[in-house]
């Protein structure tokens, strides 16, 4: 008999609601998505949705908690080796992958967050968690005298910004760099720029 714990019916229903809401928020925006539409796509009734989440805003927060910055940051942090170049490359590849996959949702979040204060708070938590994780990492590299001293959150913001600006602008403009360059090469070049600017020379 398998020791793997069974997923309860309640958990499965909750996951279906989160998946349906994620799709609809990306397709129609936060304001354009109704709880009725989410319920229909999830194959449940609205009462069930409200029993699990209470409101559309709380549902959006649950999505961020499951798929957002904190979950991504935790996954990256577990994979750190301590080698600065390798870790930057790992972070860059994972961020590039996630941001490209979620570019429609990111675009929706940017456009909608100013209209809804509650939603803005949810959206802001996503990059904040990534920035905190990166800041901890950069501080550890400063303590080890691998990189120049500085403000760790500023470095974190700069590193995040390279990938955010590339993926979001590409998604918004539906444009690509000329001549064509692979995602792997983009990550490698961004990391190379960051290494030159932060590493203490031997």
N, C-alpha and C. Protein backbone atom coordinates (compact mmCIF):
# COMPACT_ATOMS: atom_id res chain seq x y z
N UNK A 1 0.84 -1.19 0.00
CA UNK A 1 0.00 0.00 0.00
C UNK A 1 0.88 1.25 0.00
N UNK A 2 0.51 2.25 -0.79
CA UNK A 2 1.30 3.47 -0.89
C UNK A 2 1.16 4.31 0.37
N UNK A 3 2.30 4.91 0.80
CA UNK A 3 2.28 5.79 1.96
C UNK A 3 1.94 7.23 1.59
N UNK A 4 1.79 7.50 0.27
CA UNK A 4 1.51 8.85 -0.20
C UNK A 4 0.13 9.30 0.30
N UNK A 5 0.05 10.46 0.99
CA UNK A 5 -1.23 10.90 1.52
C UNK A 5 -2.22 11.22 0.42
N UNK A 6 -3.47 10.88 0.66
CA UNK A 6 -4.51 11.17 -0.32
C UNK A 6 -4.88 12.64 -0.29
N UNK A 7 -5.22 13.15 -1.47
CA UNK A 7 -5.71 14.52 -1.56
C UNK A 7 -7.20 14.51 -1.31
N UNK A 8 -7.66 15.31 -0.37
CA UNK A 8 -9.07 15.33 -0.02
C UNK A 8 -9.90 15.96 -1.13
N UNK A 9 -11.20 15.65 -1.11
CA UNK A 9 -12.12 16.24 -2.09
C UNK A 9 -12.11 17.76 -1.96
N UNK A 10 -12.04 18.25 -0.73
CA UNK A 10 -12.02 19.69 -0.50
C UNK A 10 -10.79 20.34 -1.14
N UNK A 11 -9.63 19.68 -1.01
CA UNK A 11 -8.39 20.21 -1.60
C UNK A 11 -8.46 20.21 -3.12
N UNK A 12 -9.04 19.14 -3.67
CA UNK A 12 -9.17 19.06 -5.12
C UNK A 12 -10.09 20.15 -5.65
N UNK A 13 -11.18 20.41 -4.93
CA UNK A 13 -12.11 21.47 -5.32
C UNK A 13 -11.42 22.83 -5.25
N UNK A 14 -10.68 23.03 -4.19
CA UNK A 14 -9.96 24.29 -4.01
C UNK A 14 -8.96 24.51 -5.16
N UNK A 15 -8.24 23.45 -5.53
CA UNK A 15 -7.28 23.54 -6.63
C UNK A 15 -7.97 23.85 -7.95
N UNK A 16 -9.15 23.24 -8.18
CA UNK A 16 -9.89 23.50 -9.41
C UNK A 16 -10.32 24.96 -9.49
N UNK A 17 -10.75 25.51 -8.37
CA UNK A 17 -11.17 26.92 -8.33
C UNK A 17 -9.98 27.83 -8.62
N UNK A 18 -8.85 27.54 -8.00
CA UNK A 18 -7.64 28.35 -8.20
C UNK A 18 -7.20 28.30 -9.66
N UNK A 19 -7.22 27.11 -10.27
CA UNK A 19 -6.81 26.97 -11.66
C UNK A 19 -7.76 27.74 -12.58
N UNK A 20 -9.07 27.60 -12.34
CA UNK A 20 -10.06 28.31 -13.16
C UNK A 20 -9.91 29.82 -13.04
N UNK A 21 -9.72 30.30 -11.81
CA UNK A 21 -9.55 31.73 -11.59
C UNK A 21 -8.28 32.25 -12.24
N UNK A 22 -7.19 31.49 -12.15
CA UNK A 22 -5.92 31.90 -12.76
C UNK A 22 -6.09 32.09 -14.26
N UNK A 23 -6.76 31.15 -14.90
CA UNK A 23 -6.99 31.24 -16.34
C UNK A 23 -7.84 32.45 -16.70
N UNK A 24 -8.92 32.65 -15.97
CA UNK A 24 -9.84 33.74 -16.29
C UNK A 24 -9.25 35.11 -15.99
N UNK A 25 -8.49 35.22 -14.89
CA UNK A 25 -7.85 36.51 -14.59
C UNK A 25 -6.90 36.88 -15.72
N UNK A 26 -6.15 35.90 -16.24
CA UNK A 26 -5.22 36.18 -17.33
C UNK A 26 -5.96 36.53 -18.62
N UNK A 27 -7.10 35.88 -18.87
CA UNK A 27 -7.86 36.10 -20.10
C UNK A 27 -8.66 37.40 -20.07
N UNK A 28 -9.33 37.66 -18.95
CA UNK A 28 -10.31 38.75 -18.89
C UNK A 28 -9.94 39.89 -17.95
N UNK A 29 -8.88 39.69 -17.17
CA UNK A 29 -8.54 40.69 -16.17
C UNK A 29 -9.29 40.42 -14.87
N UNK A 30 -8.83 41.07 -13.81
CA UNK A 30 -9.45 40.88 -12.50
C UNK A 30 -10.88 41.43 -12.49
N UNK A 31 -11.04 42.66 -12.99
CA UNK A 31 -12.36 43.28 -12.97
C UNK A 31 -13.33 42.61 -13.92
N UNK A 32 -12.82 42.05 -15.01
CA UNK A 32 -13.68 41.43 -16.00
C UNK A 32 -14.07 40.00 -15.69
N UNK A 33 -13.56 39.48 -14.60
CA UNK A 33 -13.85 38.10 -14.21
C UNK A 33 -14.84 38.08 -13.05
N UNK A 34 -15.94 37.39 -13.22
CA UNK A 34 -16.94 37.28 -12.16
C UNK A 34 -16.77 35.96 -11.42
N UNK A 35 -17.25 35.94 -10.19
CA UNK A 35 -17.20 34.69 -9.43
C UNK A 35 -18.08 33.63 -10.09
N UNK A 36 -19.14 34.06 -10.77
CA UNK A 36 -19.98 33.09 -11.48
C UNK A 36 -19.19 32.41 -12.61
N UNK A 37 -18.42 33.21 -13.36
CA UNK A 37 -17.62 32.64 -14.45
C UNK A 37 -16.56 31.68 -13.91
N UNK A 38 -15.95 32.03 -12.80
CA UNK A 38 -14.95 31.14 -12.19
C UNK A 38 -15.61 29.83 -11.77
N UNK A 39 -16.78 29.95 -11.15
CA UNK A 39 -17.49 28.75 -10.69
C UNK A 39 -17.86 27.85 -11.84
N UNK A 40 -18.33 28.45 -12.92
CA UNK A 40 -18.73 27.66 -14.09
C UNK A 40 -17.53 26.92 -14.69
N UNK A 41 -16.40 27.62 -14.78
CA UNK A 41 -15.23 26.96 -15.38
C UNK A 41 -14.70 25.87 -14.45
N UNK A 42 -14.82 26.08 -13.16
CA UNK A 42 -14.34 25.08 -12.20
C UNK A 42 -15.32 23.92 -12.03
N UNK A 43 -16.54 24.08 -12.56
CA UNK A 43 -17.53 23.02 -12.45
C UNK A 43 -18.15 22.91 -11.08
N UNK A 44 -18.30 24.07 -10.41
CA UNK A 44 -18.90 24.09 -9.07
C UNK A 44 -19.93 25.21 -9.04
N UNK A 45 -20.65 25.35 -7.91
CA UNK A 45 -21.55 26.50 -7.79
C UNK A 45 -20.88 27.61 -6.99
N UNK A 46 -21.43 28.81 -7.10
CA UNK A 46 -20.82 29.98 -6.46
C UNK A 46 -20.74 29.84 -4.94
N UNK A 47 -21.72 29.17 -4.36
CA UNK A 47 -21.72 28.98 -2.91
C UNK A 47 -20.46 28.25 -2.47
N UNK A 48 -20.06 27.26 -3.25
CA UNK A 48 -18.84 26.50 -2.93
C UNK A 48 -17.61 27.39 -3.02
N UNK A 49 -17.57 28.24 -4.04
CA UNK A 49 -16.44 29.16 -4.18
C UNK A 49 -16.33 30.07 -2.95
N UNK A 50 -17.45 30.65 -2.54
CA UNK A 50 -17.41 31.57 -1.40
C UNK A 50 -17.12 30.82 -0.10
N UNK A 51 -17.54 29.57 -0.01
CA UNK A 51 -17.25 28.79 1.19
C UNK A 51 -15.74 28.56 1.33
N UNK A 52 -15.07 28.37 0.19
CA UNK A 52 -13.63 28.13 0.23
C UNK A 52 -12.81 29.41 0.38
N UNK A 53 -13.24 30.49 -0.27
CA UNK A 53 -12.39 31.68 -0.33
C UNK A 53 -13.02 32.96 0.22
N UNK A 54 -14.31 33.07 0.25
CA UNK A 54 -14.95 34.24 0.84
C UNK A 54 -15.15 35.40 -0.11
N UNK A 55 -14.17 35.67 -0.99
CA UNK A 55 -14.28 36.79 -1.92
C UNK A 55 -13.31 36.59 -3.07
N UNK A 56 -13.50 37.37 -4.13
CA UNK A 56 -12.60 37.30 -5.28
C UNK A 56 -11.19 37.76 -4.90
N UNK A 57 -11.10 38.77 -4.02
CA UNK A 57 -9.79 39.26 -3.59
C UNK A 57 -9.02 38.19 -2.82
N UNK A 58 -9.73 37.47 -1.93
CA UNK A 58 -9.06 36.41 -1.17
C UNK A 58 -8.65 35.26 -2.08
N UNK A 59 -9.44 35.01 -3.11
CA UNK A 59 -9.08 34.00 -4.09
C UNK A 59 -7.81 34.41 -4.84
N UNK A 60 -7.70 35.69 -5.21
CA UNK A 60 -6.50 36.18 -5.88
C UNK A 60 -5.27 36.02 -4.98
N UNK A 61 -5.45 36.26 -3.69
CA UNK A 61 -4.34 36.10 -2.75
C UNK A 61 -3.92 34.62 -2.67
N UNK A 62 -4.89 33.73 -2.68
CA UNK A 62 -4.58 32.30 -2.63
C UNK A 62 -3.79 31.86 -3.85
N UNK A 63 -4.11 32.44 -5.01
CA UNK A 63 -3.38 32.14 -6.24
C UNK A 63 -1.92 32.57 -6.09
N UNK A 64 -1.71 33.78 -5.57
CA UNK A 64 -0.36 34.29 -5.38
C UNK A 64 0.42 33.43 -4.40
N UNK A 65 -0.26 32.96 -3.35
CA UNK A 65 0.42 32.14 -2.34
C UNK A 65 0.85 30.80 -2.92
N UNK A 66 0.03 30.26 -3.84
CA UNK A 66 0.34 28.96 -4.41
C UNK A 66 1.34 29.04 -5.54
N UNK A 67 1.19 30.04 -6.41
CA UNK A 67 2.02 30.10 -7.62
C UNK A 67 2.92 31.34 -7.68
N UNK A 68 2.83 32.21 -6.69
CA UNK A 68 3.50 33.50 -6.78
C UNK A 68 4.90 33.52 -6.21
N UNK A 69 5.31 34.72 -5.81
CA UNK A 69 6.70 34.97 -5.43
C UNK A 69 7.22 34.12 -4.31
N UNK A 70 6.42 33.91 -3.26
CA UNK A 70 6.91 33.14 -2.12
C UNK A 70 7.19 31.70 -2.50
N UNK A 71 6.29 31.10 -3.29
CA UNK A 71 6.49 29.72 -3.72
C UNK A 71 7.72 29.60 -4.61
N UNK A 72 7.88 30.54 -5.54
CA UNK A 72 9.02 30.52 -6.45
C UNK A 72 10.32 30.75 -5.68
N UNK A 73 10.29 31.72 -4.76
CA UNK A 73 11.49 32.04 -3.98
C UNK A 73 11.94 30.84 -3.16
N UNK A 74 10.99 30.15 -2.54
CA UNK A 74 11.34 28.98 -1.74
C UNK A 74 11.96 27.89 -2.58
N UNK A 75 11.45 27.68 -3.77
CA UNK A 75 11.98 26.66 -4.68
C UNK A 75 13.40 27.00 -5.10
N UNK A 76 13.63 28.27 -5.45
CA UNK A 76 14.98 28.68 -5.87
C UNK A 76 15.97 28.55 -4.71
N UNK A 77 15.57 29.02 -3.55
CA UNK A 77 16.47 29.05 -2.39
C UNK A 77 16.97 27.65 -2.02
N UNK A 78 16.12 26.66 -2.18
CA UNK A 78 16.50 25.29 -1.87
C UNK A 78 17.57 24.75 -2.81
N UNK A 79 17.70 25.37 -3.99
CA UNK A 79 18.63 24.87 -5.01
C UNK A 79 19.97 25.58 -5.02
N UNK A 80 20.18 26.56 -4.17
CA UNK A 80 21.44 27.30 -4.17
C UNK A 80 22.60 26.37 -3.82
N UNK A 81 23.71 26.57 -4.53
CA UNK A 81 24.91 25.77 -4.29
C UNK A 81 25.96 26.53 -3.49
N UNK A 82 25.84 27.87 -3.50
CA UNK A 82 26.87 28.70 -2.88
C UNK A 82 27.84 29.27 -3.89
N UNK A 83 27.87 28.69 -5.09
CA UNK A 83 28.69 29.22 -6.17
C UNK A 83 27.96 30.40 -6.80
N UNK A 84 28.56 31.58 -6.74
CA UNK A 84 27.85 32.81 -7.11
C UNK A 84 27.36 32.79 -8.57
N UNK A 85 28.24 32.46 -9.50
CA UNK A 85 27.85 32.46 -10.91
C UNK A 85 26.77 31.41 -11.18
N UNK A 86 26.94 30.22 -10.62
CA UNK A 86 25.95 29.16 -10.82
C UNK A 86 24.59 29.55 -10.24
N UNK A 87 24.62 30.16 -9.08
CA UNK A 87 23.36 30.53 -8.43
C UNK A 87 22.65 31.65 -9.19
N UNK A 88 23.41 32.64 -9.68
CA UNK A 88 22.80 33.70 -10.48
C UNK A 88 22.18 33.12 -11.76
N UNK A 89 22.88 32.19 -12.37
CA UNK A 89 22.36 31.57 -13.59
C UNK A 89 21.09 30.78 -13.30
N UNK A 90 21.09 30.05 -12.20
CA UNK A 90 19.90 29.31 -11.79
C UNK A 90 18.73 30.26 -11.57
N UNK A 91 18.97 31.35 -10.82
CA UNK A 91 17.90 32.32 -10.55
C UNK A 91 17.40 32.94 -11.85
N UNK A 92 18.34 33.29 -12.73
CA UNK A 92 17.96 33.91 -13.99
C UNK A 92 17.11 32.99 -14.85
N UNK A 93 17.51 31.73 -14.94
CA UNK A 93 16.76 30.78 -15.79
C UNK A 93 15.35 30.56 -15.25
N UNK A 94 15.24 30.40 -13.92
CA UNK A 94 13.93 30.15 -13.34
C UNK A 94 13.02 31.37 -13.46
N UNK A 95 13.58 32.55 -13.25
CA UNK A 95 12.77 33.77 -13.37
C UNK A 95 12.32 33.99 -14.81
N UNK A 96 13.24 33.77 -15.74
CA UNK A 96 12.88 33.92 -17.15
C UNK A 96 11.75 32.97 -17.52
N UNK A 97 11.86 31.72 -17.11
CA UNK A 97 10.86 30.71 -17.43
C UNK A 97 9.50 31.10 -16.84
N UNK A 98 9.48 31.45 -15.56
CA UNK A 98 8.22 31.78 -14.88
C UNK A 98 7.59 33.03 -15.47
N UNK A 99 8.41 34.06 -15.71
CA UNK A 99 7.86 35.32 -16.21
C UNK A 99 7.31 35.19 -17.63
N UNK A 100 7.97 34.39 -18.45
CA UNK A 100 7.46 34.18 -19.81
C UNK A 100 6.15 33.39 -19.77
N UNK A 101 6.10 32.37 -18.90
CA UNK A 101 4.88 31.57 -18.78
C UNK A 101 3.72 32.40 -18.24
N UNK A 102 4.02 33.35 -17.35
CA UNK A 102 2.97 34.11 -16.67
C UNK A 102 2.83 35.53 -17.20
N UNK A 103 3.36 35.81 -18.41
CA UNK A 103 3.39 37.19 -18.87
C UNK A 103 1.99 37.78 -19.01
N UNK A 104 1.00 36.99 -19.41
CA UNK A 104 -0.37 37.51 -19.53
C UNK A 104 -0.92 37.89 -18.16
N UNK A 105 -0.64 37.05 -17.17
CA UNK A 105 -1.10 37.34 -15.81
C UNK A 105 -0.38 38.56 -15.25
N UNK A 106 0.91 38.70 -15.54
CA UNK A 106 1.67 39.86 -15.07
C UNK A 106 1.13 41.14 -15.68
N UNK A 107 0.86 41.08 -16.99
CA UNK A 107 0.30 42.25 -17.67
C UNK A 107 -1.04 42.64 -17.08
N UNK A 108 -1.89 41.66 -16.82
CA UNK A 108 -3.18 41.92 -16.20
C UNK A 108 -3.00 42.56 -14.83
N UNK A 109 -2.07 42.03 -14.05
CA UNK A 109 -1.86 42.54 -12.70
C UNK A 109 -1.41 44.00 -12.72
N UNK A 110 -0.52 44.34 -13.65
CA UNK A 110 -0.03 45.71 -13.76
C UNK A 110 -1.18 46.65 -14.12
N UNK A 111 -2.00 46.24 -15.07
CA UNK A 111 -3.09 47.09 -15.56
C UNK A 111 -4.19 47.27 -14.53
N UNK A 112 -4.45 46.23 -13.74
CA UNK A 112 -5.61 46.23 -12.86
C UNK A 112 -5.31 46.69 -11.43
N UNK A 113 -4.06 46.58 -11.01
CA UNK A 113 -3.77 46.79 -9.59
C UNK A 113 -4.08 48.21 -9.13
N UNK A 114 -3.94 49.18 -10.02
CA UNK A 114 -4.22 50.57 -9.62
C UNK A 114 -5.68 50.85 -9.36
N UNK A 115 -6.56 50.02 -9.91
CA UNK A 115 -8.00 50.24 -9.75
C UNK A 115 -8.56 49.63 -8.47
N UNK A 116 -7.85 48.63 -7.94
CA UNK A 116 -8.37 47.90 -6.79
C UNK A 116 -7.30 47.84 -5.70
N UNK A 117 -7.42 48.64 -4.65
CA UNK A 117 -6.40 48.67 -3.59
C UNK A 117 -6.13 47.29 -2.99
N UNK A 118 -7.17 46.48 -2.80
CA UNK A 118 -6.98 45.16 -2.20
C UNK A 118 -6.15 44.28 -3.14
N UNK A 119 -6.46 44.35 -4.42
CA UNK A 119 -5.74 43.54 -5.40
C UNK A 119 -4.31 44.04 -5.54
N UNK A 120 -4.10 45.34 -5.42
CA UNK A 120 -2.76 45.91 -5.52
C UNK A 120 -1.85 45.33 -4.43
N UNK A 121 -2.41 45.19 -3.23
CA UNK A 121 -1.62 44.62 -2.13
C UNK A 121 -1.23 43.18 -2.42
N UNK A 122 -2.15 42.42 -3.01
CA UNK A 122 -1.86 41.04 -3.36
C UNK A 122 -0.76 40.97 -4.41
N UNK A 123 -0.87 41.80 -5.45
CA UNK A 123 0.10 41.80 -6.54
C UNK A 123 1.48 42.22 -6.04
N UNK A 124 1.53 43.21 -5.16
CA UNK A 124 2.81 43.71 -4.66
C UNK A 124 3.58 42.67 -3.87
N UNK A 125 2.85 41.74 -3.25
CA UNK A 125 3.50 40.72 -2.42
C UNK A 125 4.36 39.78 -3.27
N UNK A 126 3.99 39.62 -4.53
CA UNK A 126 4.69 38.69 -5.42
C UNK A 126 6.16 39.07 -5.63
N UNK A 127 6.45 40.25 -6.21
CA UNK A 127 7.86 40.64 -6.36
C UNK A 127 8.56 40.89 -5.03
N UNK A 128 7.78 41.29 -4.01
CA UNK A 128 8.40 41.55 -2.70
C UNK A 128 9.06 40.29 -2.14
N UNK A 129 8.39 39.16 -2.27
CA UNK A 129 8.96 37.91 -1.75
C UNK A 129 10.22 37.51 -2.51
N UNK A 130 10.19 37.69 -3.82
CA UNK A 130 11.38 37.39 -4.62
C UNK A 130 12.54 38.32 -4.24
N UNK A 131 12.23 39.60 -4.06
CA UNK A 131 13.27 40.57 -3.71
C UNK A 131 13.89 40.23 -2.35
N UNK A 132 13.07 39.84 -1.39
CA UNK A 132 13.59 39.49 -0.06
C UNK A 132 14.50 38.28 -0.13
N UNK A 133 14.10 37.28 -0.92
CA UNK A 133 14.93 36.09 -1.07
C UNK A 133 16.27 36.45 -1.70
N UNK A 134 16.24 37.24 -2.77
CA UNK A 134 17.47 37.64 -3.44
C UNK A 134 18.34 38.49 -2.52
N UNK A 135 17.71 39.36 -1.75
CA UNK A 135 18.48 40.21 -0.82
C UNK A 135 19.21 39.36 0.21
N UNK A 136 18.56 38.32 0.71
CA UNK A 136 19.23 37.42 1.66
C UNK A 136 20.45 36.77 1.01
N UNK A 137 20.26 36.37 -0.24
CA UNK A 137 21.37 35.71 -0.94
C UNK A 137 22.53 36.69 -1.16
N UNK A 138 22.23 37.89 -1.63
CA UNK A 138 23.30 38.86 -1.88
C UNK A 138 24.00 39.25 -0.58
N UNK A 139 23.26 39.34 0.52
CA UNK A 139 23.88 39.64 1.81
C UNK A 139 24.86 38.53 2.20
N UNK A 140 24.47 37.28 1.96
CA UNK A 140 25.36 36.16 2.30
C UNK A 140 26.64 36.21 1.46
N UNK A 141 26.53 36.65 0.20
CA UNK A 141 27.70 36.76 -0.66
C UNK A 141 28.58 37.95 -0.25
N UNK A 142 27.96 39.01 0.25
CA UNK A 142 28.74 40.13 0.79
C UNK A 142 29.50 39.69 2.04
N UNK A 143 28.81 38.96 2.92
CA UNK A 143 29.45 38.48 4.16
C UNK A 143 30.63 37.57 3.85
N UNK A 144 30.53 36.81 2.76
CA UNK A 144 31.61 35.90 2.37
C UNK A 144 32.69 36.61 1.55
N UNK A 145 32.53 37.94 1.34
CA UNK A 145 33.47 38.76 0.58
C UNK A 145 33.61 38.28 -0.87
N UNK A 146 32.52 37.76 -1.42
CA UNK A 146 32.51 37.36 -2.82
C UNK A 146 32.15 38.56 -3.69
N UNK A 147 31.25 39.42 -3.18
CA UNK A 147 30.82 40.60 -3.93
C UNK A 147 31.04 41.86 -3.10
N UNK A 148 31.05 42.99 -3.79
CA UNK A 148 31.26 44.27 -3.13
C UNK A 148 30.13 44.57 -2.16
N UNK A 149 30.43 45.25 -1.05
CA UNK A 149 29.37 45.63 -0.11
C UNK A 149 28.42 46.63 -0.75
N UNK A 150 27.19 46.59 -0.32
CA UNK A 150 26.17 47.48 -0.84
C UNK A 150 24.84 47.19 -0.19
N UNK A 151 23.79 47.77 -0.71
CA UNK A 151 22.46 47.53 -0.18
C UNK A 151 21.90 46.28 -0.86
N UNK A 152 21.67 45.19 -0.11
CA UNK A 152 21.27 43.93 -0.75
C UNK A 152 19.93 44.01 -1.50
N UNK A 153 18.97 44.81 -0.99
CA UNK A 153 17.69 44.90 -1.69
C UNK A 153 17.81 45.68 -2.99
N UNK A 154 18.75 46.63 -3.04
CA UNK A 154 18.99 47.35 -4.29
C UNK A 154 19.53 46.40 -5.35
N UNK A 155 20.49 45.56 -4.94
CA UNK A 155 21.01 44.56 -5.88
C UNK A 155 19.91 43.61 -6.33
N UNK A 156 19.08 43.20 -5.39
CA UNK A 156 17.98 42.28 -5.72
C UNK A 156 17.02 42.92 -6.72
N UNK A 157 16.71 44.20 -6.50
CA UNK A 157 15.81 44.90 -7.40
C UNK A 157 16.43 45.02 -8.80
N UNK A 158 17.72 45.29 -8.85
CA UNK A 158 18.41 45.42 -10.14
C UNK A 158 18.40 44.10 -10.90
N UNK A 159 18.66 43.00 -10.19
CA UNK A 159 18.69 41.69 -10.84
C UNK A 159 17.30 41.31 -11.35
N UNK A 160 16.31 41.49 -10.50
CA UNK A 160 14.93 41.22 -10.91
C UNK A 160 14.53 42.08 -12.11
N UNK A 161 14.95 43.33 -12.07
CA UNK A 161 14.53 44.28 -13.09
C UNK A 161 14.96 43.90 -14.49
N UNK A 162 16.14 43.30 -14.63
CA UNK A 162 16.61 42.90 -15.96
C UNK A 162 15.64 41.92 -16.60
N UNK A 163 15.23 40.93 -15.83
CA UNK A 163 14.36 39.88 -16.37
C UNK A 163 12.93 40.36 -16.51
N UNK A 164 12.50 41.18 -15.55
CA UNK A 164 11.13 41.70 -15.61
C UNK A 164 10.95 42.60 -16.83
N UNK A 165 11.90 43.50 -17.05
CA UNK A 165 11.76 44.43 -18.17
C UNK A 165 11.81 43.70 -19.51
N UNK A 166 12.69 42.70 -19.62
CA UNK A 166 12.78 41.97 -20.89
C UNK A 166 11.49 41.21 -21.17
N UNK A 167 11.01 40.41 -20.20
CA UNK A 167 9.86 39.55 -20.45
C UNK A 167 8.57 40.35 -20.61
N UNK A 168 8.37 41.35 -19.75
CA UNK A 168 7.11 42.10 -19.80
C UNK A 168 7.05 42.98 -21.05
N UNK A 169 8.15 43.65 -21.38
CA UNK A 169 8.15 44.47 -22.59
C UNK A 169 7.98 43.61 -23.84
N UNK A 170 8.63 42.45 -23.85
CA UNK A 170 8.46 41.54 -24.99
C UNK A 170 7.01 41.10 -25.11
N UNK A 171 6.39 40.82 -23.96
CA UNK A 171 5.00 40.39 -23.97
C UNK A 171 4.05 41.50 -24.36
N UNK A 172 4.32 42.70 -23.89
CA UNK A 172 3.45 43.83 -24.20
C UNK A 172 3.56 44.24 -25.66
N UNK A 173 4.79 44.28 -26.16
CA UNK A 173 5.02 44.77 -27.51
C UNK A 173 4.96 43.67 -28.57
N UNK A 174 4.88 42.42 -28.07
CA UNK A 174 4.88 41.28 -29.00
C UNK A 174 6.07 41.38 -29.96
N UNK A 175 7.22 41.71 -29.38
CA UNK A 175 8.41 41.95 -30.18
C UNK A 175 9.56 41.14 -29.60
N UNK A 176 10.59 40.93 -30.37
CA UNK A 176 11.76 40.20 -29.90
C UNK A 176 13.01 40.96 -30.31
N UNK A 177 14.12 40.60 -29.65
CA UNK A 177 15.38 41.25 -29.96
C UNK A 177 15.85 40.90 -31.36
N UNK A 178 16.48 41.86 -32.01
CA UNK A 178 17.04 41.62 -33.33
C UNK A 178 18.56 41.79 -33.26
N UNK A 179 19.38 40.85 -33.78
CA UNK A 179 18.93 39.57 -34.32
C UNK A 179 18.42 38.64 -33.22
N UNK A 180 17.78 37.56 -33.59
CA UNK A 180 17.21 36.62 -32.62
C UNK A 180 18.29 36.09 -31.68
N UNK A 181 17.93 35.94 -30.43
CA UNK A 181 18.86 35.41 -29.43
C UNK A 181 18.06 34.49 -28.52
N UNK A 182 18.66 33.38 -28.14
CA UNK A 182 17.94 32.39 -27.33
C UNK A 182 17.77 32.88 -25.90
N UNK A 183 16.79 32.31 -25.20
CA UNK A 183 16.56 32.65 -23.79
C UNK A 183 17.80 32.31 -22.96
N UNK A 184 18.44 31.19 -23.29
CA UNK A 184 19.65 30.80 -22.55
C UNK A 184 20.74 31.85 -22.69
N UNK A 185 20.93 32.36 -23.90
CA UNK A 185 21.96 33.37 -24.12
C UNK A 185 21.60 34.69 -23.44
N UNK A 186 20.32 35.03 -23.43
CA UNK A 186 19.88 36.25 -22.73
C UNK A 186 20.21 36.15 -21.25
N UNK A 187 19.88 35.01 -20.65
CA UNK A 187 20.19 34.80 -19.22
C UNK A 187 21.69 34.89 -19.00
N UNK A 188 22.48 34.24 -19.84
CA UNK A 188 23.94 34.24 -19.68
C UNK A 188 24.50 35.66 -19.78
N UNK A 189 23.98 36.46 -20.70
CA UNK A 189 24.49 37.83 -20.84
C UNK A 189 24.08 38.71 -19.66
N UNK A 190 22.84 38.56 -19.19
CA UNK A 190 22.42 39.32 -18.02
C UNK A 190 23.28 38.96 -16.81
N UNK A 191 23.53 37.67 -16.62
CA UNK A 191 24.35 37.23 -15.50
C UNK A 191 25.78 37.76 -15.63
N UNK A 192 26.32 37.75 -16.84
CA UNK A 192 27.68 38.25 -17.07
C UNK A 192 27.79 39.72 -16.70
N UNK A 193 26.79 40.51 -17.07
CA UNK A 193 26.77 41.93 -16.72
C UNK A 193 26.76 42.09 -15.20
N UNK A 194 25.95 41.28 -14.53
CA UNK A 194 25.84 41.40 -13.08
C UNK A 194 27.13 40.96 -12.39
N UNK A 195 27.76 39.92 -12.92
CA UNK A 195 29.02 39.45 -12.34
C UNK A 195 30.08 40.54 -12.42
N UNK A 196 30.20 41.18 -13.58
CA UNK A 196 31.21 42.23 -13.76
C UNK A 196 30.98 43.39 -12.81
N UNK A 197 29.72 43.66 -12.52
CA UNK A 197 29.42 44.82 -11.68
C UNK A 197 29.48 44.56 -10.19
N UNK A 198 29.48 43.29 -9.77
CA UNK A 198 29.38 43.02 -8.32
C UNK A 198 30.55 42.24 -7.74
N UNK A 199 31.24 41.42 -8.54
CA UNK A 199 32.27 40.54 -7.99
C UNK A 199 33.52 41.31 -7.54
N UNK A 200 34.08 40.87 -6.42
CA UNK A 200 35.37 41.39 -5.97
C UNK A 200 36.45 40.64 -6.73
N UNK A 201 37.33 41.34 -7.40
CA UNK A 201 38.38 40.69 -8.17
C UNK A 201 39.40 40.06 -7.25
N UNK A 202 39.88 38.87 -7.70
CA UNK A 202 40.91 38.15 -6.91
C UNK A 202 42.22 38.91 -6.94
